[in-house]
Amino acid sequence: MLVLALDTSSAAVTVDLVDVTDTAATRIAHEQWVGPHGHSEHLTPTIAACLDAAGVTVREIGALVVGAGPGPFTGLRVGLVSAAAMAEALDVPAYEVCSLDGLAPEHGAVLVATDARRKEVYWATYRDGARIDGPHVSYPVDVRYDDAAAMTGAGAQLYAEVLGLPLLDGEHPSPARLVMHALDKIRAGADSDALTPLYLRRPDAVPPKAMSR
């Protein structure tokens, strides 16, 4: 089965096409765009480029996987809404995975931290690819990484001196890795997830207070 996986939770718009069988999951195409803004404009062309690189059409997709965050409000919703719309149009299931899972290596005790802006990070800790704490949002100095032996992610790079762990490669979530966390659902043909954004904090914009008379 061909699975289209995408993540827009960071500064990157990343799309992978993964071939999932009963025994393996193999990435067969990858496309990425990186920029502080413009996720809504670049997601569709990035998806198209990924499919073109694999030589397949959108109708050949059997399932979708999308990073649910945590991440900035606008960019994150672009990915989730697009995945939901594609799933409905193609009549295929769509599954959500915590975006931080897409940075966790398969082995070792690792802190994953991405840039949450406002001098904060989104973070979680992992052991052998499984999340054991998080996700959270906090200032780097308040991150609790217990026995983590290394760290990865854009937030880890940005605040390397504060977090103080050896830095591994990896800046943005890998959609192909997200697929690995959804394999049981994909292979079982489970119903779609609700595709709910994982924000961790409230939006900046709030309804105005009623004007007093």
N, C-alpha and C. Protein backbone atom coordinates (compact mmCIF):
# COMPACT_ATOMS: atom_id res chain seq x y z
N MET A 1 0.84 -1.19 0.00
CA MET A 1 0.00 0.00 0.00
C MET A 1 0.87 1.24 0.00
N LEU A 2 0.51 2.22 -0.82
CA LEU A 2 1.23 3.49 -0.84
C LEU A 2 0.61 4.44 0.19
N VAL A 3 1.47 4.96 1.06
CA VAL A 3 1.02 5.86 2.12
C VAL A 3 1.67 7.22 1.91
N LEU A 4 0.85 8.25 1.81
CA LEU A 4 1.35 9.61 1.71
C LEU A 4 1.44 10.19 3.11
N ALA A 5 2.63 10.61 3.49
CA ALA A 5 2.85 11.13 4.84
C ALA A 5 3.35 12.57 4.75
N LEU A 6 2.83 13.43 5.62
CA LEU A 6 3.23 14.82 5.57
C LEU A 6 3.28 15.42 6.97
N ASP A 7 4.13 16.46 7.08
CA ASP A 7 4.24 17.17 8.35
C ASP A 7 4.47 18.65 8.08
N THR A 8 3.69 19.50 8.76
CA THR A 8 3.83 20.95 8.65
C THR A 8 3.94 21.60 10.01
N SER A 9 4.42 20.85 10.98
CA SER A 9 4.46 21.33 12.37
C SER A 9 5.65 22.22 12.67
N SER A 10 6.61 22.29 11.76
CA SER A 10 7.83 23.06 11.99
C SER A 10 8.00 24.09 10.89
N ALA A 11 9.20 24.60 10.72
CA ALA A 11 9.48 25.53 9.64
C ALA A 11 9.53 24.83 8.29
N ALA A 12 9.42 23.52 8.29
CA ALA A 12 9.49 22.75 7.05
C ALA A 12 8.13 22.20 6.65
N VAL A 13 7.91 22.13 5.35
CA VAL A 13 6.80 21.37 4.77
C VAL A 13 7.45 20.12 4.18
N THR A 14 7.19 18.97 4.78
CA THR A 14 7.87 17.75 4.37
C THR A 14 6.85 16.69 3.97
N VAL A 15 7.08 16.04 2.82
CA VAL A 15 6.18 15.02 2.30
C VAL A 15 6.99 13.80 1.90
N ASP A 16 6.55 12.63 2.35
CA ASP A 16 7.17 11.37 1.97
C ASP A 16 6.10 10.44 1.40
N LEU A 17 6.51 9.62 0.46
CA LEU A 17 5.66 8.54 -0.03
C LEU A 17 6.30 7.23 0.42
N VAL A 18 5.53 6.43 1.15
CA VAL A 18 6.06 5.21 1.76
C VAL A 18 5.27 4.00 1.27
N ASP A 19 5.98 2.97 0.87
CA ASP A 19 5.37 1.72 0.45
C ASP A 19 5.31 0.79 1.66
N VAL A 20 4.11 0.51 2.14
CA VAL A 20 3.92 -0.33 3.32
C VAL A 20 3.42 -1.71 2.90
N THR A 21 4.16 -2.73 3.29
CA THR A 21 3.75 -4.12 3.07
C THR A 21 3.54 -4.79 4.41
N ASP A 22 3.27 -6.08 4.39
CA ASP A 22 3.07 -6.81 5.65
C ASP A 22 4.35 -6.91 6.47
N THR A 23 5.48 -6.75 5.83
CA THR A 23 6.75 -6.97 6.53
C THR A 23 7.69 -5.78 6.52
N ALA A 24 7.37 -4.73 5.77
CA ALA A 24 8.31 -3.62 5.66
C ALA A 24 7.59 -2.31 5.34
N ALA A 25 8.31 -1.20 5.55
CA ALA A 25 7.83 0.13 5.18
C ALA A 25 9.02 0.86 4.56
N THR A 26 8.93 1.16 3.27
CA THR A 26 10.06 1.71 2.53
C THR A 26 9.71 3.07 1.93
N ARG A 27 10.50 4.08 2.24
CA ARG A 27 10.28 5.39 1.64
C ARG A 27 10.74 5.37 0.20
N ILE A 28 9.85 5.78 -0.72
CA ILE A 28 10.19 5.73 -2.14
C ILE A 28 10.28 7.13 -2.76
N ALA A 29 9.85 8.17 -2.04
CA ALA A 29 10.00 9.53 -2.54
C ALA A 29 9.96 10.50 -1.36
N HIS A 30 10.67 11.62 -1.52
CA HIS A 30 10.78 12.61 -0.44
C HIS A 30 10.91 14.00 -1.05
N GLU A 31 10.13 14.94 -0.52
CA GLU A 31 10.23 16.34 -0.93
C GLU A 31 10.09 17.23 0.30
N GLN A 32 10.82 18.36 0.29
CA GLN A 32 10.76 19.27 1.45
C GLN A 32 10.95 20.72 1.01
N TRP A 33 10.19 21.58 1.62
CA TRP A 33 10.36 23.03 1.48
C TRP A 33 10.54 23.61 2.87
N VAL A 34 11.47 24.54 3.03
CA VAL A 34 11.74 25.12 4.35
C VAL A 34 11.63 26.64 4.27
N GLY A 35 10.86 27.22 5.18
CA GLY A 35 10.72 28.67 5.25
C GLY A 35 9.87 29.04 6.45
N PRO A 36 10.02 30.25 6.97
CA PRO A 36 9.28 30.65 8.17
C PRO A 36 7.79 30.81 7.93
N HIS A 37 7.40 31.12 6.69
CA HIS A 37 5.99 31.32 6.36
C HIS A 37 5.72 30.68 5.00
N GLY A 38 4.43 30.56 4.66
CA GLY A 38 4.07 30.06 3.34
C GLY A 38 3.74 28.59 3.28
N HIS A 39 3.44 27.96 4.42
CA HIS A 39 3.10 26.54 4.40
C HIS A 39 1.89 26.25 3.52
N SER A 40 0.87 27.11 3.58
CA SER A 40 -0.34 26.85 2.81
C SER A 40 -0.07 26.92 1.30
N GLU A 41 0.84 27.80 0.89
CA GLU A 41 1.15 27.92 -0.53
C GLU A 41 2.03 26.79 -1.03
N HIS A 42 2.85 26.21 -0.16
CA HIS A 42 3.85 25.24 -0.61
C HIS A 42 3.47 23.78 -0.40
N LEU A 43 2.44 23.51 0.41
CA LEU A 43 2.13 22.11 0.69
C LEU A 43 1.67 21.37 -0.56
N THR A 44 0.70 21.92 -1.29
CA THR A 44 0.20 21.22 -2.47
C THR A 44 1.28 20.99 -3.52
N PRO A 45 2.11 22.00 -3.86
CA PRO A 45 3.19 21.73 -4.81
C PRO A 45 4.19 20.69 -4.31
N THR A 46 4.42 20.66 -3.00
CA THR A 46 5.35 19.69 -2.44
C THR A 46 4.78 18.28 -2.54
N ILE A 47 3.49 18.14 -2.30
CA ILE A 47 2.83 16.84 -2.47
C ILE A 47 2.92 16.40 -3.93
N ALA A 48 2.62 17.32 -4.83
CA ALA A 48 2.67 16.99 -6.26
C ALA A 48 4.07 16.57 -6.70
N ALA A 49 5.07 17.27 -6.19
CA ALA A 49 6.46 16.94 -6.55
C ALA A 49 6.84 15.56 -6.03
N CYS A 50 6.37 15.22 -4.83
CA CYS A 50 6.68 13.91 -4.25
C CYS A 50 6.04 12.80 -5.08
N LEU A 51 4.80 12.98 -5.48
CA LEU A 51 4.13 11.96 -6.29
C LEU A 51 4.78 11.85 -7.67
N ASP A 52 5.14 12.99 -8.24
CA ASP A 52 5.81 12.96 -9.55
C ASP A 52 7.14 12.22 -9.46
N ALA A 53 7.88 12.45 -8.37
CA ALA A 53 9.18 11.79 -8.22
C ALA A 53 9.03 10.28 -8.14
N ALA A 54 7.90 9.82 -7.59
CA ALA A 54 7.66 8.38 -7.47
C ALA A 54 6.99 7.82 -8.71
N GLY A 55 6.49 8.69 -9.59
CA GLY A 55 5.82 8.23 -10.78
C GLY A 55 4.45 7.63 -10.51
N VAL A 56 3.75 8.15 -9.50
CA VAL A 56 2.42 7.63 -9.17
C VAL A 56 1.41 8.78 -9.18
N THR A 57 0.13 8.44 -9.22
CA THR A 57 -0.93 9.43 -9.16
C THR A 57 -1.55 9.44 -7.77
N VAL A 58 -2.26 10.49 -7.49
CA VAL A 58 -2.86 10.62 -6.17
C VAL A 58 -3.88 9.51 -5.92
N ARG A 59 -4.48 8.97 -6.98
CA ARG A 59 -5.48 7.91 -6.83
C ARG A 59 -4.87 6.58 -6.39
N GLU A 60 -3.56 6.47 -6.43
CA GLU A 60 -2.90 5.23 -6.01
C GLU A 60 -2.59 5.22 -4.51
N ILE A 61 -2.86 6.32 -3.82
CA ILE A 61 -2.61 6.40 -2.38
C ILE A 61 -3.65 5.59 -1.64
N GLY A 62 -3.18 4.76 -0.69
CA GLY A 62 -4.09 3.92 0.08
C GLY A 62 -4.37 4.42 1.48
N ALA A 63 -3.56 5.35 1.98
CA ALA A 63 -3.76 5.90 3.32
C ALA A 63 -2.88 7.14 3.45
N LEU A 64 -3.20 7.97 4.44
CA LEU A 64 -2.41 9.16 4.74
C LEU A 64 -2.00 9.14 6.20
N VAL A 65 -0.83 9.72 6.47
CA VAL A 65 -0.36 9.92 7.84
C VAL A 65 0.07 11.37 7.94
N VAL A 66 -0.30 12.04 9.02
CA VAL A 66 0.01 13.46 9.18
C VAL A 66 0.51 13.74 10.59
N GLY A 67 1.49 14.63 10.68
CA GLY A 67 1.98 15.06 11.98
C GLY A 67 0.97 15.97 12.64
N ALA A 68 0.57 15.65 13.87
CA ALA A 68 -0.47 16.39 14.58
C ALA A 68 0.08 17.50 15.46
N GLY A 69 1.41 17.69 15.43
CA GLY A 69 2.01 18.69 16.30
C GLY A 69 2.67 18.03 17.48
N PRO A 70 3.09 18.84 18.42
CA PRO A 70 2.83 20.27 18.59
C PRO A 70 3.55 21.13 17.56
N GLY A 71 2.96 22.32 17.32
CA GLY A 71 3.54 23.23 16.36
C GLY A 71 2.75 24.51 16.32
N PRO A 72 3.21 25.50 15.54
CA PRO A 72 2.50 26.77 15.40
C PRO A 72 1.10 26.56 14.81
N PHE A 73 0.17 27.39 15.21
CA PHE A 73 -1.23 27.20 14.86
C PHE A 73 -1.47 27.13 13.36
N THR A 74 -1.03 28.13 12.62
CA THR A 74 -1.37 28.22 11.20
C THR A 74 -0.74 27.09 10.40
N GLY A 75 0.56 26.90 10.54
CA GLY A 75 1.24 25.87 9.78
C GLY A 75 0.72 24.49 10.09
N LEU A 76 0.44 24.23 11.36
CA LEU A 76 -0.03 22.91 11.76
C LEU A 76 -1.39 22.60 11.16
N ARG A 77 -2.28 23.57 11.15
CA ARG A 77 -3.62 23.34 10.62
C ARG A 77 -3.59 23.09 9.11
N VAL A 78 -2.63 23.70 8.42
CA VAL A 78 -2.51 23.47 6.98
C VAL A 78 -2.38 21.98 6.68
N GLY A 79 -1.49 21.32 7.39
CA GLY A 79 -1.26 19.90 7.16
C GLY A 79 -2.45 19.05 7.54
N LEU A 80 -3.05 19.33 8.69
CA LEU A 80 -4.16 18.51 9.16
C LEU A 80 -5.40 18.67 8.29
N VAL A 81 -5.71 19.91 7.93
CA VAL A 81 -6.89 20.15 7.09
C VAL A 81 -6.68 19.54 5.70
N SER A 82 -5.48 19.67 5.16
CA SER A 82 -5.20 19.10 3.84
C SER A 82 -5.30 17.58 3.87
N ALA A 83 -4.76 16.96 4.92
CA ALA A 83 -4.84 15.50 5.03
C ALA A 83 -6.29 15.04 5.15
N ALA A 84 -7.08 15.77 5.93
CA ALA A 84 -8.49 15.41 6.09
C ALA A 84 -9.25 15.53 4.77
N ALA A 85 -8.96 16.61 4.03
CA ALA A 85 -9.64 16.83 2.75
C ALA A 85 -9.25 15.76 1.73
N MET A 86 -7.96 15.42 1.67
CA MET A 86 -7.52 14.39 0.74
C MET A 86 -8.11 13.03 1.08
N ALA A 87 -8.14 12.71 2.38
CA ALA A 87 -8.68 11.42 2.80
C ALA A 87 -10.14 11.29 2.40
N GLU A 88 -10.89 12.37 2.57
CA GLU A 88 -12.31 12.34 2.21
C GLU A 88 -12.47 12.22 0.70
N ALA A 89 -11.69 12.99 -0.05
CA ALA A 89 -11.81 12.98 -1.51
C ALA A 89 -11.43 11.63 -2.11
N LEU A 90 -10.41 10.98 -1.51
CA LEU A 90 -9.92 9.71 -2.03
C LEU A 90 -10.60 8.51 -1.40
N ASP A 91 -11.40 8.77 -0.33
CA ASP A 91 -12.07 7.70 0.41
C ASP A 91 -11.05 6.71 0.98
N VAL A 92 -10.01 7.28 1.64
CA VAL A 92 -8.99 6.46 2.30
C VAL A 92 -8.83 6.97 3.73
N PRO A 93 -8.30 6.16 4.63
CA PRO A 93 -8.12 6.61 6.01
C PRO A 93 -6.93 7.54 6.17
N ALA A 94 -7.01 8.38 7.20
CA ALA A 94 -5.91 9.27 7.56
C ALA A 94 -5.62 9.12 9.05
N TYR A 95 -4.36 9.02 9.39
CA TYR A 95 -3.97 8.79 10.78
C TYR A 95 -3.02 9.90 11.25
N GLU A 96 -3.17 10.30 12.51
CA GLU A 96 -2.32 11.33 13.07
C GLU A 96 -1.29 10.72 14.01
N VAL A 97 -0.11 11.36 14.05
CA VAL A 97 0.97 10.94 14.94
C VAL A 97 1.60 12.19 15.51
N CYS A 98 1.97 12.18 16.77
CA CYS A 98 2.70 13.31 17.37
C CYS A 98 3.93 13.60 16.52
N SER A 99 4.07 14.84 16.09
CA SER A 99 5.17 15.20 15.18
C SER A 99 6.55 14.92 15.78
N LEU A 100 6.68 15.06 17.08
CA LEU A 100 7.98 14.82 17.71
C LEU A 100 8.43 13.38 17.51
N ASP A 101 7.47 12.46 17.35
CA ASP A 101 7.82 11.06 17.10
C ASP A 101 8.62 10.91 15.81
N GLY A 102 8.43 11.86 14.89
CA GLY A 102 9.12 11.80 13.62
C GLY A 102 10.58 12.20 13.69
N LEU A 103 11.06 12.54 14.86
CA LEU A 103 12.48 12.86 15.06
C LEU A 103 13.20 11.86 15.94
N ALA A 104 12.45 11.00 16.59
CA ALA A 104 13.06 10.07 17.55
C ALA A 104 13.76 8.93 16.84
N PRO A 105 15.04 8.69 17.15
CA PRO A 105 15.75 7.55 16.56
C PRO A 105 15.23 6.23 17.14
N GLU A 106 15.53 5.15 16.45
CA GLU A 106 15.03 3.84 16.88
C GLU A 106 15.71 3.32 18.13
N HIS A 107 16.91 3.81 18.41
CA HIS A 107 17.66 3.27 19.54
C HIS A 107 18.19 4.39 20.43
N GLY A 108 18.28 4.09 21.73
CA GLY A 108 18.86 5.01 22.68
C GLY A 108 17.84 5.86 23.41
N ALA A 109 18.32 6.53 24.47
CA ALA A 109 17.50 7.45 25.27
C ALA A 109 17.78 8.86 24.76
N VAL A 110 16.75 9.49 24.19
CA VAL A 110 16.95 10.74 23.45
C VAL A 110 15.91 11.78 23.82
N LEU A 111 16.35 13.02 23.90
CA LEU A 111 15.47 14.16 24.02
C LEU A 111 15.21 14.74 22.64
N VAL A 112 13.94 14.89 22.29
CA VAL A 112 13.56 15.54 21.03
C VAL A 112 13.00 16.92 21.38
N ALA A 113 13.55 17.96 20.77
CA ALA A 113 13.09 19.32 21.04
C ALA A 113 13.00 20.10 19.73
N THR A 114 11.84 20.71 19.48
CA THR A 114 11.66 21.56 18.31
C THR A 114 11.41 22.99 18.75
N ASP A 115 11.55 23.92 17.83
CA ASP A 115 11.43 25.34 18.15
C ASP A 115 9.96 25.73 18.30
N ALA A 116 9.57 26.17 19.49
CA ALA A 116 8.20 26.61 19.75
C ALA A 116 8.06 28.12 19.68
N ARG A 117 9.18 28.81 19.31
CA ARG A 117 9.21 30.27 19.30
C ARG A 117 9.01 30.80 20.71
N ARG A 118 8.95 32.11 20.88
CA ARG A 118 8.81 32.74 22.20
C ARG A 118 9.88 32.27 23.17
N LYS A 119 11.04 31.85 22.63
CA LYS A 119 12.16 31.34 23.43
C LYS A 119 11.79 30.07 24.17
N GLU A 120 10.84 29.28 23.62
CA GLU A 120 10.42 28.01 24.20
C GLU A 120 10.67 26.87 23.23
N VAL A 121 10.56 25.65 23.74
CA VAL A 121 10.67 24.46 22.90
C VAL A 121 9.50 23.53 23.16
N TYR A 122 9.11 22.80 22.10
CA TYR A 122 8.24 21.64 22.27
C TYR A 122 9.17 20.45 22.45
N TRP A 123 8.90 19.60 23.44
CA TRP A 123 9.84 18.53 23.69
C TRP A 123 9.17 17.27 24.23
N ALA A 124 9.88 16.17 24.06
CA ALA A 124 9.48 14.87 24.61
C ALA A 124 10.74 14.02 24.73
N THR A 125 10.69 13.01 25.57
CA THR A 125 11.82 12.09 25.71
C THR A 125 11.41 10.71 25.21
N TYR A 126 12.40 9.99 24.68
CA TYR A 126 12.17 8.71 24.03
C TYR A 126 13.20 7.68 24.46
N ARG A 127 12.78 6.44 24.47
CA ARG A 127 13.71 5.32 24.66
C ARG A 127 13.45 4.30 23.57
N ASP A 128 14.46 4.06 22.76
CA ASP A 128 14.37 3.11 21.64
C ASP A 128 13.15 3.41 20.76
N GLY A 129 12.93 4.69 20.48
CA GLY A 129 11.87 5.11 19.58
C GLY A 129 10.51 5.29 20.20
N ALA A 130 10.32 4.85 21.45
CA ALA A 130 9.03 4.97 22.12
C ALA A 130 9.02 6.20 23.03
N ARG A 131 7.97 6.98 22.94
CA ARG A 131 7.87 8.19 23.77
C ARG A 131 7.57 7.80 25.21
N ILE A 132 8.39 8.32 26.15
CA ILE A 132 8.19 8.00 27.56
C ILE A 132 7.75 9.20 28.37
N ASP A 133 7.88 10.42 27.82
CA ASP A 133 7.42 11.62 28.51
C ASP A 133 7.14 12.69 27.47
N GLY A 134 6.03 13.40 27.64
CA GLY A 134 5.69 14.48 26.74
C GLY A 134 4.59 14.08 25.76
N PRO A 135 4.25 15.02 24.89
CA PRO A 135 4.95 16.27 24.61
C PRO A 135 4.62 17.39 25.59
N HIS A 136 5.56 18.32 25.72
CA HIS A 136 5.42 19.49 26.58
C HIS A 136 5.89 20.72 25.83
N VAL A 137 5.56 21.88 26.36
CA VAL A 137 6.14 23.13 25.89
C VAL A 137 6.66 23.88 27.11
N SER A 138 7.91 24.34 27.02
CA SER A 138 8.50 25.04 28.17
C SER A 138 9.75 25.78 27.72
N TYR A 139 10.29 26.59 28.62
CA TYR A 139 11.58 27.21 28.36
C TYR A 139 12.66 26.14 28.42
N PRO A 140 13.71 26.28 27.62
CA PRO A 140 14.76 25.25 27.60
C PRO A 140 15.32 24.94 28.98
N VAL A 141 15.46 25.93 29.82
CA VAL A 141 16.04 25.70 31.15
C VAL A 141 15.15 24.81 32.01
N ASP A 142 13.86 24.72 31.67
CA ASP A 142 12.91 23.92 32.46
C ASP A 142 12.68 22.52 31.90
N VAL A 143 13.37 22.18 30.81
CA VAL A 143 13.20 20.85 30.21
C VAL A 143 13.79 19.79 31.13
N ARG A 144 13.03 18.72 31.37
CA ARG A 144 13.46 17.62 32.24
C ARG A 144 13.75 16.40 31.37
N TYR A 145 15.02 16.11 31.16
CA TYR A 145 15.33 15.01 30.24
C TYR A 145 15.88 13.78 30.95
N ASP A 146 15.85 13.74 32.25
CA ASP A 146 16.19 12.55 33.03
C ASP A 146 17.48 11.88 32.53
N ASP A 147 17.35 10.64 32.00
CA ASP A 147 18.56 9.90 31.63
C ASP A 147 18.86 9.96 30.14
N ALA A 148 18.29 10.93 29.41
CA ALA A 148 18.58 11.04 27.98
C ALA A 148 20.07 11.23 27.75
N ALA A 149 20.59 10.52 26.76
CA ALA A 149 22.03 10.57 26.49
C ALA A 149 22.37 11.47 25.32
N ALA A 150 21.35 11.91 24.55
CA ALA A 150 21.58 12.76 23.39
C ALA A 150 20.29 13.50 23.09
N MET A 151 20.36 14.43 22.14
CA MET A 151 19.17 15.22 21.78
C MET A 151 19.18 15.49 20.28
N THR A 152 17.98 15.82 19.76
CA THR A 152 17.84 16.11 18.34
C THR A 152 16.68 17.05 18.13
N GLY A 153 16.64 17.70 16.95
CA GLY A 153 15.57 18.63 16.62
C GLY A 153 16.05 20.06 16.53
N ALA A 154 15.24 20.90 15.85
CA ALA A 154 15.60 22.30 15.68
C ALA A 154 15.72 23.03 17.00
N GLY A 155 14.89 22.69 17.97
CA GLY A 155 14.98 23.31 19.29
C GLY A 155 16.24 22.91 20.02
N ALA A 156 16.64 21.66 19.85
CA ALA A 156 17.88 21.19 20.47
C ALA A 156 19.08 21.92 19.87
N GLN A 157 19.03 22.16 18.55
CA GLN A 157 20.11 22.90 17.90
C GLN A 157 20.15 24.35 18.38
N LEU A 158 18.98 24.95 18.48
CA LEU A 158 18.89 26.37 18.85
C LEU A 158 19.34 26.62 20.28
N TYR A 159 19.04 25.69 21.18
CA TYR A 159 19.36 25.88 22.59
C TYR A 159 20.34 24.81 23.08
N ALA A 160 21.28 24.46 22.23
CA ALA A 160 22.23 23.39 22.54
C ALA A 160 23.01 23.67 23.83
N GLU A 161 23.44 24.91 24.03
CA GLU A 161 24.23 25.22 25.22
C GLU A 161 23.41 25.10 26.49
N VAL A 162 22.14 25.45 26.43
CA VAL A 162 21.28 25.37 27.62
C VAL A 162 20.94 23.92 27.93
N LEU A 163 20.57 23.15 26.91
CA LEU A 163 20.16 21.77 27.14
C LEU A 163 21.34 20.86 27.44
N GLY A 164 22.48 21.12 26.82
CA GLY A 164 23.73 20.50 27.23
C GLY A 164 23.93 19.03 26.95
N LEU A 165 23.22 18.47 25.98
CA LEU A 165 23.41 17.06 25.61
C LEU A 165 24.10 16.96 24.25
N PRO A 166 24.75 15.84 23.96
CA PRO A 166 25.32 15.64 22.62
C PRO A 166 24.22 15.76 21.56
N LEU A 167 24.52 16.44 20.47
CA LEU A 167 23.52 16.74 19.46
C LEU A 167 23.59 15.74 18.30
N LEU A 168 22.45 15.13 18.00
CA LEU A 168 22.34 14.21 16.87
C LEU A 168 21.84 14.95 15.64
N ASP A 169 22.02 14.34 14.47
CA ASP A 169 21.47 14.91 13.25
C ASP A 169 19.95 14.91 13.32
N GLY A 170 19.35 15.83 12.59
CA GLY A 170 17.90 15.89 12.53
C GLY A 170 17.39 17.23 13.00
N GLU A 171 16.63 17.90 12.14
CA GLU A 171 16.10 19.22 12.48
C GLU A 171 14.59 19.25 12.47
N HIS A 172 13.98 18.66 11.43
CA HIS A 172 12.53 18.67 11.27
C HIS A 172 11.99 17.25 11.27
N PRO A 173 10.72 17.05 11.69
CA PRO A 173 10.14 15.70 11.72
C PRO A 173 10.16 15.03 10.36
N SER A 174 10.40 13.74 10.36
CA SER A 174 10.39 12.93 9.14
C SER A 174 9.03 12.24 9.01
N PRO A 175 8.26 12.56 7.95
CA PRO A 175 6.98 11.87 7.76
C PRO A 175 7.12 10.35 7.65
N ALA A 176 8.23 9.89 7.06
CA ALA A 176 8.43 8.45 6.95
C ALA A 176 8.52 7.81 8.33
N ARG A 177 9.14 8.50 9.26
CA ARG A 177 9.20 7.98 10.63
C ARG A 177 7.82 8.01 11.28
N LEU A 178 7.01 9.02 10.95
CA LEU A 178 5.65 9.05 11.47
C LEU A 178 4.87 7.82 11.04
N VAL A 179 5.10 7.39 9.81
CA VAL A 179 4.43 6.19 9.29
C VAL A 179 4.76 4.98 10.15
N MET A 180 5.99 4.90 10.62
CA MET A 180 6.40 3.76 11.44
C MET A 180 5.56 3.67 12.72
N HIS A 181 5.10 4.81 13.21
CA HIS A 181 4.29 4.83 14.43
C HIS A 181 2.81 4.57 14.15
N ALA A 182 2.45 4.50 12.88
CA ALA A 182 1.05 4.25 12.51
C ALA A 182 0.89 2.91 11.79
N LEU A 183 1.93 2.09 11.77
CA LEU A 183 1.90 0.85 10.97
C LEU A 183 0.77 -0.09 11.38
N ASP A 184 0.53 -0.22 12.67
CA ASP A 184 -0.53 -1.15 13.10
C ASP A 184 -1.88 -0.74 12.53
N LYS A 185 -2.18 0.56 12.58
CA LYS A 185 -3.46 1.04 12.04
C LYS A 185 -3.51 0.88 10.53
N ILE A 186 -2.41 1.20 9.86
CA ILE A 186 -2.37 1.10 8.40
C ILE A 186 -2.62 -0.33 7.96
N ARG A 187 -1.89 -1.26 8.55
CA ARG A 187 -2.01 -2.67 8.14
C ARG A 187 -3.35 -3.27 8.51
N ALA A 188 -3.97 -2.75 9.57
CA ALA A 188 -5.27 -3.27 9.98
C ALA A 188 -6.41 -2.60 9.22
N GLY A 189 -6.10 -1.54 8.46
CA GLY A 189 -7.16 -0.82 7.76
C GLY A 189 -8.11 -0.13 8.71
N ALA A 190 -7.58 0.41 9.81
CA ALA A 190 -8.40 1.04 10.83
C ALA A 190 -9.08 2.29 10.28
N ASP A 191 -10.18 2.69 10.93
CA ASP A 191 -10.87 3.91 10.55
C ASP A 191 -9.97 5.12 10.78
N SER A 192 -10.27 6.20 10.09
CA SER A 192 -9.49 7.42 10.22
C SER A 192 -9.51 7.96 11.65
N ASP A 193 -8.42 8.62 12.02
CA ASP A 193 -8.39 9.36 13.27
C ASP A 193 -9.14 10.68 13.11
N ALA A 194 -9.39 11.34 14.22
CA ALA A 194 -10.12 12.61 14.18
C ALA A 194 -9.27 13.75 13.64
N LEU A 195 -7.94 13.57 13.59
CA LEU A 195 -7.00 14.59 13.11
C LEU A 195 -7.15 15.90 13.89
N THR A 196 -6.86 15.81 15.18
CA THR A 196 -6.98 16.94 16.09
C THR A 196 -5.63 17.57 16.32
N PRO A 197 -5.48 18.88 16.08
CA PRO A 197 -4.17 19.53 16.28
C PRO A 197 -3.73 19.48 17.74
N LEU A 198 -2.45 19.23 17.94
CA LEU A 198 -1.87 19.19 19.27
C LEU A 198 -1.12 20.51 19.48
N TYR A 199 -1.81 21.50 20.05
CA TYR A 199 -1.23 22.83 20.17
C TYR A 199 -0.38 23.03 21.42
N LEU A 200 -0.83 22.54 22.56
CA LEU A 200 -0.19 22.67 23.87
C LEU A 200 -0.31 24.05 24.51
N ARG A 201 -0.71 25.04 23.72
CA ARG A 201 -0.96 26.35 24.33
C ARG A 201 -2.05 27.06 23.54
N ARG A 202 -2.62 28.08 24.14
CA ARG A 202 -3.75 28.78 23.54
C ARG A 202 -3.30 29.70 22.42
N PRO A 203 -4.21 29.97 21.47
CA PRO A 203 -3.86 30.88 20.38
C PRO A 203 -3.66 32.30 20.87
N ASP A 204 -2.86 33.07 20.12
CA ASP A 204 -2.65 34.47 20.47
C ASP A 204 -3.91 35.30 20.27
N ALA A 205 -4.65 34.99 19.21
CA ALA A 205 -5.85 35.76 18.91
C ALA A 205 -7.00 35.30 19.79
N VAL A 206 -7.68 36.24 20.42
CA VAL A 206 -8.82 35.93 21.28
C VAL A 206 -9.97 36.85 20.89
N PRO A 207 -11.22 36.39 21.11
CA PRO A 207 -12.36 37.25 20.80
C PRO A 207 -12.30 38.53 21.62
N PRO A 208 -12.65 39.69 21.02
CA PRO A 208 -12.64 40.95 21.78
C PRO A 208 -13.70 40.94 22.86
N LYS A 209 -13.40 41.61 23.96
CA LYS A 209 -14.39 41.71 25.02
C LYS A 209 -15.54 42.59 24.57
N ALA A 210 -16.72 42.27 25.06
CA ALA A 210 -17.89 43.08 24.70
C ALA A 210 -17.71 44.50 25.19
N MET A 211 -18.03 45.44 24.32
CA MET A 211 -17.88 46.85 24.70
C MET A 211 -18.94 47.22 25.72
N SER A 212 -18.51 47.90 26.74
CA SER A 212 -19.45 48.34 27.78
C SER A 212 -20.31 49.50 27.26
N ARG A 213 -21.53 49.52 27.65
CA ARG A 213 -22.45 50.57 27.19
C ARG A 213 -22.41 51.78 28.12
